[in-house]
Amino acid sequence: MTLPMVEPQAGMPDEVTIYEVGPRDGLQNESLAVPTEVKAEFINRLIAAGLQTVEITSMVPHKWVPQLGDAEELLAQLGSAGLGRQRPVLVPNERGLDRALERGVSAIAVFGSATETFARKT
């Protein structure tokens, strides 16, 4: 394997971290739910491609985001590959946090709200 050519530039960091959110953010925007087995394969391929941090899913109620209603099943299918500090799960509230912790998730992603109205709805 040939390593990429490196051209240092003043003021630039030595490295960057790619925080991949496609399995969560990308798939939640699909009009139809992607089968859990396909999601697991997608995540495994991202990991195999060398992406270190992959946001697996979100612990949101099925009625809010039907495309992510299989979070528990997805985590079960992924096994240890879906857990660990580089496999965050987005949680919108305390109940989502409880669900994630019950399944052994140790990396949590949270989001902030721009308005009080939106925050109260989530």
PDB file of N, CA and C in Angstrom:
ATOM      1  N   MET A   1       0.827  -1.167   0.000  1.00  0.00           N
ATOM      2  CA  MET A   1       0.000   0.000   0.000  1.00  0.00           C
ATOM      3  C   MET A   1       0.881   1.242   0.000  1.00  0.00           C
ATOM      4  N   THR A   2       0.585   2.178  -0.867  1.00  0.00           N
ATOM      5  CA  THR A   2       1.323   3.420  -0.941  1.00  0.00           C
ATOM      6  C   THR A   2       0.709   4.443  -0.006  1.00  0.00           C
ATOM      7  N   LEU A   3       1.534   5.044   0.811  1.00  0.00           N
ATOM      8  CA  LEU A   3       1.048   6.070   1.722  1.00  0.00           C
ATOM      9  C   LEU A   3       0.854   7.383   0.968  1.00  0.00           C
ATOM     10  N   PRO A   4      -0.093   8.190   1.408  1.00  0.00           N
ATOM     11  CA  PRO A   4      -0.312   9.472   0.731  1.00  0.00           C
ATOM     12  C   PRO A   4       0.853  10.430   0.971  1.00  0.00           C
ATOM     13  N   MET A   5       1.080  11.306   0.003  1.00  0.00           N
ATOM     14  CA  MET A   5       2.107  12.322   0.150  1.00  0.00           C
ATOM     15  C   MET A   5       1.625  13.345   1.183  1.00  0.00           C
ATOM     16  N   VAL A   6       2.520  13.755   2.042  1.00  0.00           N
ATOM     17  CA  VAL A   6       2.176  14.702   3.099  1.00  0.00           C
ATOM     18  C   VAL A   6       2.888  16.023   2.820  1.00  0.00           C
ATOM     19  N   GLU A   7       2.123  17.096   2.775  1.00  0.00           N
ATOM     20  CA  GLU A   7       2.665  18.445   2.576  1.00  0.00           C
ATOM     21  C   GLU A   7       2.239  19.306   3.759  1.00  0.00           C
ATOM     22  N   PRO A   8       3.048  19.388   4.791  1.00  0.00           N
ATOM     23  CA  PRO A   8       2.670  20.184   5.962  1.00  0.00           C
ATOM     24  C   PRO A   8       2.472  21.656   5.610  1.00  0.00           C
ATOM     25  N   GLN A   9       1.490  22.269   6.236  1.00  0.00           N
ATOM     26  CA  GLN A   9       1.251  23.689   6.075  1.00  0.00           C
ATOM     27  C   GLN A   9       1.158  24.314   7.455  1.00  0.00           C
ATOM     28  N   ALA A  10       1.748  25.464   7.593  1.00  0.00           N
ATOM     29  CA  ALA A  10       1.733  26.168   8.873  1.00  0.00           C
ATOM     30  C   ALA A  10       0.290  26.445   9.301  1.00  0.00           C
ATOM     31  N   GLY A  11       0.001  26.198  10.572  1.00  0.00           N
ATOM     32  CA  GLY A  11      -1.315  26.486  11.121  1.00  0.00           C
ATOM     33  C   GLY A  11      -2.338  25.379  10.939  1.00  0.00           C
ATOM     34  N   MET A  12      -2.010  24.358  10.187  1.00  0.00           N
ATOM     35  CA  MET A  12      -2.944  23.254   9.976  1.00  0.00           C
ATOM     36  C   MET A  12      -2.670  22.155  11.010  1.00  0.00           C
ATOM     37  N   PRO A  13      -3.708  21.451  11.442  1.00  0.00           N
ATOM     38  CA  PRO A  13      -3.490  20.376  12.421  1.00  0.00           C
ATOM     39  C   PRO A  13      -2.744  19.205  11.790  1.00  0.00           C
ATOM     40  N   ASP A  14      -2.106  18.424  12.639  1.00  0.00           N
ATOM     41  CA  ASP A  14      -1.382  17.250  12.166  1.00  0.00           C
ATOM     42  C   ASP A  14      -2.317  16.143  11.707  1.00  0.00           C
ATOM     43  N   GLU A  15      -3.515  16.125  12.259  1.00  0.00           N
ATOM     44  CA  GLU A  15      -4.482  15.097  11.893  1.00  0.00           C
ATOM     45  C   GLU A  15      -5.899  15.630  12.057  1.00  0.00           C
ATOM     46  N   VAL A  16      -6.839  14.949  11.448  1.00  0.00           N
ATOM     47  CA  VAL A  16      -8.255  15.281  11.591  1.00  0.00           C
ATOM     48  C   VAL A  16      -8.994  14.009  11.966  1.00  0.00           C
ATOM     49  N   THR A  17     -10.142  14.177  12.585  1.00  0.00           N
ATOM     50  CA  THR A  17     -10.986  13.048  12.928  1.00  0.00           C
ATOM     51  C   THR A  17     -12.263  13.141  12.122  1.00  0.00           C
ATOM     52  N   ILE A  18     -12.581  12.094  11.405  1.00  0.00           N
ATOM     53  CA  ILE A  18     -13.844  12.022  10.676  1.00  0.00           C
ATOM     54  C   ILE A  18     -14.853  11.363  11.596  1.00  0.00           C
ATOM     55  N   TYR A  19     -15.932  12.054  11.852  1.00  0.00           N
ATOM     56  CA  TYR A  19     -17.013  11.559  12.702  1.00  0.00           C
ATOM     57  C   TYR A  19     -18.155  11.207  11.760  1.00  0.00           C
ATOM     58  N   GLU A  20     -18.232   9.953  11.379  1.00  0.00           N
ATOM     59  CA  GLU A  20     -19.197   9.491  10.377  1.00  0.00           C
ATOM     60  C   GLU A  20     -20.586   9.350  10.989  1.00  0.00           C
ATOM     61  N   VAL A  21     -21.566  10.050  10.417  1.00  0.00           N
ATOM     62  CA  VAL A  21     -22.936  10.005  10.923  1.00  0.00           C
ATOM     63  C   VAL A  21     -23.925   9.418   9.917  1.00  0.00           C
ATOM     64  N   GLY A  22     -23.433   8.903   8.821  1.00  0.00           N
ATOM     65  CA  GLY A  22     -24.318   8.357   7.782  1.00  0.00           C
ATOM     66  C   GLY A  22     -25.302   7.312   8.259  1.00  0.00           C
ATOM     67  N   PRO A  23     -24.883   6.351   9.105  1.00  0.00           N
ATOM     68  CA  PRO A  23     -25.841   5.343   9.553  1.00  0.00           C
ATOM     69  C   PRO A  23     -26.994   5.920  10.379  1.00  0.00           C
ATOM     70  N   ARG A  24     -26.785   7.074  10.979  1.00  0.00           N
ATOM     71  CA  ARG A  24     -27.849   7.699  11.749  1.00  0.00           C
ATOM     72  C   ARG A  24     -28.470   8.852  10.976  1.00  0.00           C
ATOM     73  N   ASP A  25     -27.710   9.869  10.701  1.00  0.00           N
ATOM     74  CA  ASP A  25     -28.251  11.069  10.071  1.00  0.00           C
ATOM     75  C   ASP A  25     -28.670  10.819   8.628  1.00  0.00           C
ATOM     76  N   GLY A  26     -27.873  10.104   7.906  1.00  0.00           N
ATOM     77  CA  GLY A  26     -28.206   9.830   6.505  1.00  0.00           C
ATOM     78  C   GLY A  26     -29.423   8.944   6.351  1.00  0.00           C
ATOM     79  N   LEU A  27     -29.463   7.853   7.116  1.00  0.00           N
ATOM     80  CA  LEU A  27     -30.567   6.906   6.961  1.00  0.00           C
ATOM     81  C   LEU A  27     -31.875   7.414   7.551  1.00  0.00           C
ATOM     82  N   GLN A  28     -31.811   8.339   8.503  1.00  0.00           N
ATOM     83  CA  GLN A  28     -33.062   8.849   9.067  1.00  0.00           C
ATOM     84  C   GLN A  28     -33.798   9.729   8.060  1.00  0.00           C
ATOM     85  N   ASN A  29     -33.111  10.169   7.025  1.00  0.00           N
ATOM     86  CA  ASN A  29     -33.723  11.027   6.013  1.00  0.00           C
ATOM     87  C   ASN A  29     -34.267  10.254   4.818  1.00  0.00           C
ATOM     88  N   GLU A  30     -34.095   8.954   4.813  1.00  0.00           N
ATOM     89  CA  GLU A  30     -34.638   8.140   3.726  1.00  0.00           C
ATOM     90  C   GLU A  30     -36.156   8.041   3.870  1.00  0.00           C
ATOM     91  N   SER A  31     -36.851   7.995   2.750  1.00  0.00           N
ATOM     92  CA  SER A  31     -38.319   7.936   2.817  1.00  0.00           C
ATOM     93  C   SER A  31     -38.818   6.592   3.350  1.00  0.00           C
ATOM     94  N   LEU A  32     -38.069   5.539   3.106  1.00  0.00           N
ATOM     95  CA  LEU A  32     -38.426   4.205   3.608  1.00  0.00           C
ATOM     96  C   LEU A  32     -37.339   3.721   4.563  1.00  0.00           C
ATOM     97  N   ALA A  33     -37.738   2.918   5.507  1.00  0.00           N
ATOM     98  CA  ALA A  33     -36.767   2.360   6.450  1.00  0.00           C
ATOM     99  C   ALA A  33     -35.881   1.340   5.740  1.00  0.00           C
ATOM    100  N   VAL A  34     -34.591   1.434   5.972  1.00  0.00           N
ATOM    101  CA  VAL A  34     -33.624   0.487   5.444  1.00  0.00           C
ATOM    102  C   VAL A  34     -33.633  -0.735   6.362  1.00  0.00           C
ATOM    103  N   PRO A  35     -33.656  -1.953   5.799  1.00  0.00           N
ATOM    104  CA  PRO A  35     -33.659  -3.144   6.654  1.00  0.00           C
ATOM    105  C   PRO A  35     -32.468  -3.160   7.619  1.00  0.00           C
ATOM    106  N   THR A  36     -32.704  -3.659   8.811  1.00  0.00           N
ATOM    107  CA  THR A  36     -31.681  -3.677   9.854  1.00  0.00           C
ATOM    108  C   THR A  36     -30.418  -4.392   9.386  1.00  0.00           C
ATOM    109  N   GLU A  37     -30.585  -5.491   8.653  1.00  0.00           N
ATOM    110  CA  GLU A  37     -29.421  -6.245   8.181  1.00  0.00           C
ATOM    111  C   GLU A  37     -28.570  -5.399   7.240  1.00  0.00           C
ATOM    112  N   VAL A  38     -29.205  -4.579   6.433  1.00  0.00           N
ATOM    113  CA  VAL A  38     -28.483  -3.708   5.501  1.00  0.00           C
ATOM    114  C   VAL A  38     -27.748  -2.620   6.271  1.00  0.00           C
ATOM    115  N   LYS A  39     -28.386  -2.069   7.303  1.00  0.00           N
ATOM    116  CA  LYS A  39     -27.727  -1.069   8.139  1.00  0.00           C
ATOM    117  C   LYS A  39     -26.476  -1.661   8.792  1.00  0.00           C
ATOM    118  N   ALA A  40     -26.610  -2.859   9.329  1.00  0.00           N
ATOM    119  CA  ALA A  40     -25.469  -3.503   9.985  1.00  0.00           C
ATOM    120  C   ALA A  40     -24.328  -3.710   8.993  1.00  0.00           C
ATOM    121  N   GLU A  41     -24.643  -4.148   7.790  1.00  0.00           N
ATOM    122  CA  GLU A  41     -23.618  -4.335   6.751  1.00  0.00           C
ATOM    123  C   GLU A  41     -22.969  -3.003   6.390  1.00  0.00           C
ATOM    124  N   PHE A  42     -23.768  -1.953   6.261  1.00  0.00           N
ATOM    125  CA  PHE A  42     -23.260  -0.607   5.970  1.00  0.00           C
ATOM    126  C   PHE A  42     -22.263  -0.173   7.041  1.00  0.00           C
ATOM    127  N   ILE A  43     -22.651  -0.333   8.295  1.00  0.00           N
ATOM    128  CA  ILE A  43     -21.777   0.059   9.398  1.00  0.00           C
ATOM    129  C   ILE A  43     -20.505  -0.769   9.406  1.00  0.00           C
ATOM    130  N   ASN A  44     -20.629  -2.070   9.227  1.00  0.00           N
ATOM    131  CA  ASN A  44     -19.440  -2.937   9.201  1.00  0.00           C
ATOM    132  C   ASN A  44     -18.504  -2.554   8.068  1.00  0.00           C
ATOM    133  N   ARG A  45     -19.049  -2.156   6.926  1.00  0.00           N
ATOM    134  CA  ARG A  45     -18.205  -1.741   5.797  1.00  0.00           C
ATOM    135  C   ARG A  45     -17.516  -0.407   6.077  1.00  0.00           C
ATOM    136  N   LEU A  46     -18.213   0.512   6.735  1.00  0.00           N
ATOM    137  CA  LEU A  46     -17.575   1.781   7.105  1.00  0.00           C
ATOM    138  C   LEU A  46     -16.394   1.534   8.034  1.00  0.00           C
ATOM    139  N   ILE A  47     -16.595   0.657   9.003  1.00  0.00           N
ATOM    140  CA  ILE A  47     -15.529   0.316   9.943  1.00  0.00           C
ATOM    141  C   ILE A  47     -14.384  -0.373   9.210  1.00  0.00           C
ATOM    142  N   ALA A  48     -14.711  -1.319   8.327  1.00  0.00           N
ATOM    143  CA  ALA A  48     -13.683  -2.032   7.562  1.00  0.00           C
ATOM    144  C   ALA A  48     -12.903  -1.095   6.643  1.00  0.00           C
ATOM    145  N   ALA A  49     -13.551  -0.012   6.207  1.00  0.00           N
ATOM    146  CA  ALA A  49     -12.881   0.967   5.342  1.00  0.00           C
ATOM    147  C   ALA A  49     -11.914   1.849   6.121  1.00  0.00           C
ATOM    148  N   GLY A  50     -11.930   1.722   7.445  1.00  0.00           N
ATOM    149  CA  GLY A  50     -10.974   2.450   8.264  1.00  0.00           C
ATOM    150  C   GLY A  50     -11.531   3.638   9.018  1.00  0.00           C
ATOM    151  N   LEU A  51     -12.826   3.885   8.897  1.00  0.00           N
ATOM    152  CA  LEU A  51     -13.405   4.983   9.671  1.00  0.00           C
ATOM    153  C   LEU A  51     -13.392   4.598  11.140  1.00  0.00           C
ATOM    154  N   GLN A  52     -12.837   5.451  11.958  1.00  0.00           N
ATOM    155  CA  GLN A  52     -12.688   5.134  13.372  1.00  0.00           C
ATOM    156  C   GLN A  52     -13.949   5.396  14.181  1.00  0.00           C
ATOM    157  N   THR A  53     -14.576   6.557  13.971  1.00  0.00           N
ATOM    158  CA  THR A  53     -15.751   6.928  14.751  1.00  0.00           C
ATOM    159  C   THR A  53     -16.975   6.892  13.857  1.00  0.00           C
ATOM    160  N   VAL A  54     -17.912   6.016  14.187  1.00  0.00           N
ATOM    161  CA  VAL A  54     -19.130   5.844  13.399  1.00  0.00           C
ATOM    162  C   VAL A  54     -20.321   5.945  14.346  1.00  0.00           C
ATOM    163  N   GLU A  55     -21.156   6.960  14.130  1.00  0.00           N
ATOM    164  CA  GLU A  55     -22.369   7.113  14.941  1.00  0.00           C
ATOM    165  C   GLU A  55     -23.381   6.085  14.452  1.00  0.00           C
ATOM    166  N   ILE A  56     -23.717   5.150  15.298  1.00  0.00           N
ATOM    167  CA  ILE A  56     -24.464   3.963  14.927  1.00  0.00           C
ATOM    168  C   ILE A  56     -25.944   4.229  14.648  1.00  0.00           C
ATOM    169  N   THR A  57     -26.629   4.879  15.569  1.00  0.00           N
ATOM    170  CA  THR A  57     -28.075   5.073  15.455  1.00  0.00           C
ATOM    171  C   THR A  57     -28.510   6.135  16.451  1.00  0.00           C
ATOM    172  N   SER A  58     -29.786   6.244  16.663  1.00  0.00           N
ATOM    173  CA  SER A  58     -30.330   7.151  17.666  1.00  0.00           C
ATOM    174  C   SER A  58     -31.412   6.438  18.456  1.00  0.00           C
ATOM    175  N   MET A  59     -31.461   6.727  19.719  1.00  0.00           N
ATOM    176  CA  MET A  59     -32.482   6.159  20.592  1.00  0.00           C
ATOM    177  C   MET A  59     -33.675   7.106  20.657  1.00  0.00           C
ATOM    178  N   VAL A  60     -34.345   7.241  19.531  1.00  0.00           N
ATOM    179  CA  VAL A  60     -35.538   8.076  19.447  1.00  0.00           C
ATOM    180  C   VAL A  60     -36.762   7.175  19.360  1.00  0.00           C
ATOM    181  N   PRO A  61     -37.911   7.648  19.805  1.00  0.00           N
ATOM    182  CA  PRO A  61     -39.119   6.838  19.659  1.00  0.00           C
ATOM    183  C   PRO A  61     -39.422   6.556  18.186  1.00  0.00           C
ATOM    184  N   HIS A  62     -39.896   5.355  17.908  1.00  0.00           N
ATOM    185  CA  HIS A  62     -40.231   4.944  16.540  1.00  0.00           C
ATOM    186  C   HIS A  62     -41.172   5.934  15.877  1.00  0.00           C
ATOM    187  N   LYS A  63     -42.109   6.501  16.636  1.00  0.00           N
ATOM    188  CA  LYS A  63     -43.068   7.432  16.045  1.00  0.00           C
ATOM    189  C   LYS A  63     -42.398   8.737  15.611  1.00  0.00           C
ATOM    190  N   TRP A  64     -41.275   9.107  16.213  1.00  0.00           N
ATOM    191  CA  TRP A  64     -40.559  10.314  15.806  1.00  0.00           C
ATOM    192  C   TRP A  64     -39.773  10.093  14.521  1.00  0.00           C
ATOM    193  N   VAL A  65     -39.025   8.996  14.492  1.00  0.00           N
ATOM    194  CA  VAL A  65     -38.163   8.684  13.346  1.00  0.00           C
ATOM    195  C   VAL A  65     -38.291   7.196  13.049  1.00  0.00           C
ATOM    196  N   PRO A  66     -39.287   6.828  12.252  1.00  0.00           N
ATOM    197  CA  PRO A  66     -39.520   5.402  11.979  1.00  0.00           C
ATOM    198  C   PRO A  66     -38.291   4.685  11.397  1.00  0.00           C
ATOM    199  N   GLN A  67     -37.472   5.408  10.652  1.00  0.00           N
ATOM    200  CA  GLN A  67     -36.296   4.798  10.026  1.00  0.00           C
ATOM    201  C   GLN A  67     -35.271   4.313  11.051  1.00  0.00           C
ATOM    202  N   LEU A  68     -35.352   4.813  12.282  1.00  0.00           N
ATOM    203  CA  LEU A  68     -34.408   4.404  13.328  1.00  0.00           C
ATOM    204  C   LEU A  68     -35.090   3.618  14.439  1.00  0.00           C
ATOM    205  N   GLY A  69     -36.271   3.132  14.164  1.00  0.00           N
ATOM    206  CA  GLY A  69     -37.032   2.401  15.167  1.00  0.00           C
ATOM    207  C   GLY A  69     -36.460   1.045  15.521  1.00  0.00           C
ATOM    208  N   ASP A  70     -35.418   0.622  14.834  1.00  0.00           N
ATOM    209  CA  ASP A  70     -34.803  -0.686  15.071  1.00  0.00           C
ATOM    210  C   ASP A  70     -33.480  -0.581  15.818  1.00  0.00           C
ATOM    211  N   ALA A  71     -33.282   0.483  16.582  1.00  0.00           N
ATOM    212  CA  ALA A  71     -31.992   0.730  17.229  1.00  0.00           C
ATOM    213  C   ALA A  71     -31.526  -0.452  18.079  1.00  0.00           C
ATOM    214  N   GLU A  72     -32.420  -0.990  18.898  1.00  0.00           N
ATOM    215  CA  GLU A  72     -32.029  -2.121  19.752  1.00  0.00           C
ATOM    216  C   GLU A  72     -31.644  -3.342  18.921  1.00  0.00           C
ATOM    217  N   GLU A  73     -32.426  -3.617  17.895  1.00  0.00           N
ATOM    218  CA  GLU A  73     -32.125  -4.762  17.026  1.00  0.00           C
ATOM    219  C   GLU A  73     -30.794  -4.551  16.300  1.00  0.00           C
ATOM    220  N   LEU A  74     -30.548  -3.334  15.834  1.00  0.00           N
ATOM    221  CA  LEU A  74     -29.292  -3.040  15.145  1.00  0.00           C
ATOM    222  C   LEU A  74     -28.105  -3.250  16.074  1.00  0.00           C
ATOM    223  N   LEU A  75     -28.192  -2.745  17.291  1.00  0.00           N
ATOM    224  CA  LEU A  75     -27.101  -2.937  18.241  1.00  0.00           C
ATOM    225  C   LEU A  75     -26.881  -4.416  18.532  1.00  0.00           C
ATOM    226  N   ALA A  76     -27.965  -5.174  18.635  1.00  0.00           N
ATOM    227  CA  ALA A  76     -27.831  -6.614  18.874  1.00  0.00           C
ATOM    228  C   ALA A  76     -27.126  -7.292  17.695  1.00  0.00           C
ATOM    229  N   GLN A  77     -27.480  -6.916  16.475  1.00  0.00           N
ATOM    230  CA  GLN A  77     -26.844  -7.517  15.295  1.00  0.00           C
ATOM    231  C   GLN A  77     -25.366  -7.170  15.201  1.00  0.00           C
ATOM    232  N   LEU A  78     -25.015  -5.945  15.581  1.00  0.00           N
ATOM    233  CA  LEU A  78     -23.619  -5.513  15.488  1.00  0.00           C
ATOM    234  C   LEU A  78     -22.752  -6.128  16.577  1.00  0.00           C
ATOM    235  N   GLY A  79     -23.358  -6.480  17.700  1.00  0.00           N
ATOM    236  CA  GLY A  79     -22.582  -7.036  18.805  1.00  0.00           C
ATOM    237  C   GLY A  79     -21.520  -6.066  19.271  1.00  0.00           C
ATOM    238  N   SER A  80     -20.335  -6.557  19.555  1.00  0.00           N
ATOM    239  CA  SER A  80     -19.273  -5.704  20.085  1.00  0.00           C
ATOM    240  C   SER A  80     -18.808  -4.657  19.077  1.00  0.00           C
ATOM    241  N   ALA A  81     -19.006  -4.886  17.777  1.00  0.00           N
ATOM    242  CA  ALA A  81     -18.617  -3.896  16.766  1.00  0.00           C
ATOM    243  C   ALA A  81     -19.442  -2.615  16.882  1.00  0.00           C
ATOM    244  N   GLY A  82     -20.632  -2.703  17.496  1.00  0.00           N
ATOM    245  CA  GLY A  82     -21.497  -1.538  17.651  1.00  0.00           C
ATOM    246  C   GLY A  82     -21.341  -0.824  18.974  1.00  0.00           C
ATOM    247  N   LEU A  83     -20.410  -1.289  19.774  1.00  0.00           N
ATOM    248  CA  LEU A  83     -20.212  -0.706  21.103  1.00  0.00           C
ATOM    249  C   LEU A  83     -18.808  -0.118  21.222  1.00  0.00           C
ATOM    250  N   GLY A  84     -18.604   0.643  22.241  1.00  0.00           N
ATOM    251  CA  GLY A  84     -17.282   1.216  22.493  1.00  0.00           C
ATOM    252  C   GLY A  84     -17.296   2.720  22.319  1.00  0.00           C
ATOM    253  N   ARG A  85     -16.209   3.347  22.738  1.00  0.00           N
ATOM    254  CA  ARG A  85     -16.191   4.802  22.754  1.00  0.00           C
ATOM    255  C   ARG A  85     -16.144   5.427  21.373  1.00  0.00           C
ATOM    256  N   GLN A  86     -15.888   4.652  20.346  1.00  0.00           N
ATOM    257  CA  GLN A  86     -15.895   5.186  18.982  1.00  0.00           C
ATOM    258  C   GLN A  86     -17.148   4.767  18.213  1.00  0.00           C
ATOM    259  N   ARG A  87     -18.170   4.338  18.945  1.00  0.00           N
ATOM    260  CA  ARG A  87     -19.452   3.947  18.342  1.00  0.00           C
ATOM    261  C   ARG A  87     -20.584   4.671  19.071  1.00  0.00           C
ATOM    262  N   PRO A  88     -20.625   6.001  18.965  1.00  0.00           N
ATOM    263  CA  PRO A  88     -21.656   6.740  19.680  1.00  0.00           C
ATOM    264  C   PRO A  88     -23.066   6.491  19.157  1.00  0.00           C
ATOM    265  N   VAL A  89     -24.010   6.690  20.038  1.00  0.00           N
ATOM    266  CA  VAL A  89     -25.433   6.608  19.735  1.00  0.00           C
ATOM    267  C   VAL A  89     -26.038   7.946  20.152  1.00  0.00           C
ATOM    268  N   LEU A  90     -26.816   8.552  19.274  1.00  0.00           N
ATOM    269  CA  LEU A  90     -27.452   9.832  19.589  1.00  0.00           C
ATOM    270  C   LEU A  90     -28.630   9.603  20.523  1.00  0.00           C
ATOM    271  N   VAL A  91     -28.688  10.379  21.587  1.00  0.00           N
ATOM    272  CA  VAL A  91     -29.824  10.302  22.509  1.00  0.00           C
ATOM    273  C   VAL A  91     -30.449  11.689  22.649  1.00  0.00           C
ATOM    274  N   PRO A  92     -31.765  11.787  22.469  1.00  0.00           N
ATOM    275  CA  PRO A  92     -32.416  13.088  22.535  1.00  0.00           C
ATOM    276  C   PRO A  92     -32.883  13.479  23.933  1.00  0.00           C
ATOM    277  N   ASN A  93     -32.939  12.497  24.843  1.00  0.00           N
ATOM    278  CA  ASN A  93     -33.501  12.789  26.159  1.00  0.00           C
ATOM    279  C   ASN A  93     -33.077  11.700  27.148  1.00  0.00           C
ATOM    280  N   GLU A  94     -33.550  11.823  28.370  1.00  0.00           N
ATOM    281  CA  GLU A  94     -33.159  10.886  29.425  1.00  0.00           C
ATOM    282  C   GLU A  94     -33.621   9.458  29.130  1.00  0.00           C
ATOM    283  N   ARG A  95     -34.807   9.308  28.585  1.00  0.00           N
ATOM    284  CA  ARG A  95     -35.295   7.954  28.252  1.00  0.00           C
ATOM    285  C   ARG A  95     -34.408   7.310  27.189  1.00  0.00           C
ATOM    286  N   GLY A  96     -34.003   8.094  26.198  1.00  0.00           N
ATOM    287  CA  GLY A  96     -33.084   7.578  25.182  1.00  0.00           C
ATOM    288  C   GLY A  96     -31.760   7.160  25.789  1.00  0.00           C
ATOM    289  N   LEU A  97     -31.281   7.947  26.752  1.00  0.00           N
ATOM    290  CA  LEU A  97     -30.043   7.598  27.448  1.00  0.00           C
ATOM    291  C   LEU A  97     -30.209   6.289  28.192  1.00  0.00           C
ATOM    292  N   ASP A  98     -31.322   6.134  28.894  1.00  0.00           N
ATOM    293  CA  ASP A  98     -31.575   4.881  29.618  1.00  0.00           C
ATOM    294  C   ASP A  98     -31.585   3.690  28.667  1.00  0.00           C
ATOM    295  N   ARG A  99     -32.262   3.829  27.535  1.00  0.00           N
ATOM    296  CA  ARG A  99     -32.319   2.736  26.547  1.00  0.00           C
ATOM    297  C   ARG A  99     -30.922   2.382  26.047  1.00  0.00           C
ATOM    298  N   ALA A 100     -30.115   3.389  25.775  1.00  0.00           N
ATOM    299  CA  ALA A 100     -28.758   3.143  25.281  1.00  0.00           C
ATOM    300  C   ALA A 100     -27.916   2.431  26.337  1.00  0.00           C
ATOM    301  N   LEU A 101     -27.975   2.912  27.558  1.00  0.00           N
ATOM    302  CA  LEU A 101     -27.181   2.309  28.632  1.00  0.00           C
ATOM    303  C   LEU A 101     -27.617   0.875  28.917  1.00  0.00           C
ATOM    304  N   GLU A 102     -28.915   0.602  28.811  1.00  0.00           N
ATOM    305  CA  GLU A 102     -29.423  -0.763  29.006  1.00  0.00           C
ATOM    306  C   GLU A 102     -28.835  -1.730  27.991  1.00  0.00           C
ATOM    307  N   ARG A 103     -28.401  -1.236  26.862  1.00  0.00           N
ATOM    308  CA  ARG A 103     -27.857  -2.085  25.808  1.00  0.00           C
ATOM    309  C   ARG A 103     -26.337  -2.064  25.746  1.00  0.00           C
ATOM    310  N   GLY A 104     -25.718  -1.465  26.741  1.00  0.00           N
ATOM    311  CA  GLY A 104     -24.264  -1.494  26.837  1.00  0.00           C
ATOM    312  C   GLY A 104     -23.539  -0.408  26.068  1.00  0.00           C
ATOM    313  N   VAL A 105     -24.258   0.581  25.583  1.00  0.00           N
ATOM    314  CA  VAL A 105     -23.624   1.680  24.852  1.00  0.00           C
ATOM    315  C   VAL A 105     -22.789   2.509  25.824  1.00  0.00           C
ATOM    316  N   SER A 106     -21.566   2.830  25.435  1.00  0.00           N
ATOM    317  CA  SER A 106     -20.698   3.624  26.317  1.00  0.00           C
ATOM    318  C   SER A 106     -20.312   4.966  25.708  1.00  0.00           C
ATOM    319  N   ALA A 107     -20.752   5.246  24.491  1.00  0.00           N
ATOM    320  CA  ALA A 107     -20.478   6.542  23.865  1.00  0.00           C
ATOM    321  C   ALA A 107     -21.813   7.161  23.470  1.00  0.00           C
ATOM    322  N   ILE A 108     -22.053   8.347  23.973  1.00  0.00           N
ATOM    323  CA  ILE A 108     -23.330   9.023  23.764  1.00  0.00           C
ATOM    324  C   ILE A 108     -23.094  10.320  23.003  1.00  0.00           C
ATOM    325  N   ALA A 109     -23.898  10.552  21.979  1.00  0.00           N
ATOM    326  CA  ALA A 109     -23.895  11.832  21.271  1.00  0.00           C
ATOM    327  C   ALA A 109     -25.158  12.571  21.692  1.00  0.00           C
ATOM    328  N   VAL A 110     -25.031  13.843  21.925  1.00  0.00           N
ATOM    329  CA  VAL A 110     -26.178  14.659  22.297  1.00  0.00           C
ATOM    330  C   VAL A 110     -26.275  15.831  21.321  1.00  0.00           C
ATOM    331  N   PHE A 111     -27.424  16.451  21.282  1.00  0.00           N
ATOM    332  CA  PHE A 111     -27.567  17.631  20.429  1.00  0.00           C
ATOM    333  C   PHE A 111     -28.229  18.731  21.225  1.00  0.00           C
ATOM    334  N   GLY A 112     -27.956  19.935  20.829  1.00  0.00           N
ATOM    335  CA  GLY A 112     -28.572  21.087  21.463  1.00  0.00           C
ATOM    336  C   GLY A 112     -29.665  21.624  20.560  1.00  0.00           C
ATOM    337  N   SER A 113     -30.558  22.368  21.151  1.00  0.00           N
ATOM    338  CA  SER A 113     -31.671  22.927  20.420  1.00  0.00           C
ATOM    339  C   SER A 113     -31.505  24.430  20.290  1.00  0.00           C
ATOM    340  N   ALA A 114     -31.874  24.945  19.125  1.00  0.00           N
ATOM    341  CA  ALA A 114     -31.766  26.382  18.896  1.00  0.00           C
ATOM    342  C   ALA A 114     -32.906  27.145  19.565  1.00  0.00           C
ATOM    343  N   THR A 115     -34.019  26.465  19.818  1.00  0.00           N
ATOM    344  CA  THR A 115     -35.162  27.149  20.423  1.00  0.00           C
ATOM    345  C   THR A 115     -35.725  26.333  21.583  1.00  0.00           C
ATOM    346  N   GLU A 116     -36.326  27.018  22.511  1.00  0.00           N
ATOM    347  CA  GLU A 116     -36.963  26.354  23.650  1.00  0.00           C
ATOM    348  C   GLU A 116     -38.141  25.498  23.184  1.00  0.00           C
ATOM    349  N   THR A 117     -38.876  25.958  22.195  1.00  0.00           N
ATOM    350  CA  THR A 117     -40.020  25.208  21.676  1.00  0.00           C
ATOM    351  C   THR A 117     -39.588  23.855  21.151  1.00  0.00           C
ATOM    352  N   PHE A 118     -38.533  23.819  20.343  1.00  0.00           N
ATOM    353  CA  PHE A 118     -38.031  22.553  19.805  1.00  0.00           C
ATOM    354  C   PHE A 118     -37.536  21.655  20.939  1.00  0.00           C
ATOM    355  N   ALA A 119     -36.832  22.238  21.899  1.00  0.00           N
ATOM    356  CA  ALA A 119     -36.297  21.445  23.013  1.00  0.00           C
ATOM    357  C   ALA A 119     -37.417  20.771  23.796  1.00  0.00           C
ATOM    358  N   ARG A 120     -38.502  21.459  23.999  1.00  0.00           N
ATOM    359  CA  ARG A 120     -39.623  20.883  24.752  1.00  0.00           C
ATOM    360  C   ARG A 120     -40.318  19.770  23.968  1.00  0.00           C
ATOM    361  N   LYS A 121     -40.309  19.848  22.645  1.00  0.00           N
ATOM    362  CA  LYS A 121     -40.936  18.820  21.812  1.00  0.00           C
ATOM    363  C   LYS A 121     -40.116  17.544  21.751  1.00  0.00           C
ATOM    364  N   THR A 122     -38.824  17.617  22.002  1.00  0.00           N
ATOM    365  CA  THR A 122     -37.977  16.438  21.929  1.00  0.00           C
ATOM    366  C   THR A 122     -37.835  15.834  23.297  1.00  0.00           C
TER     367      THR A 122
END
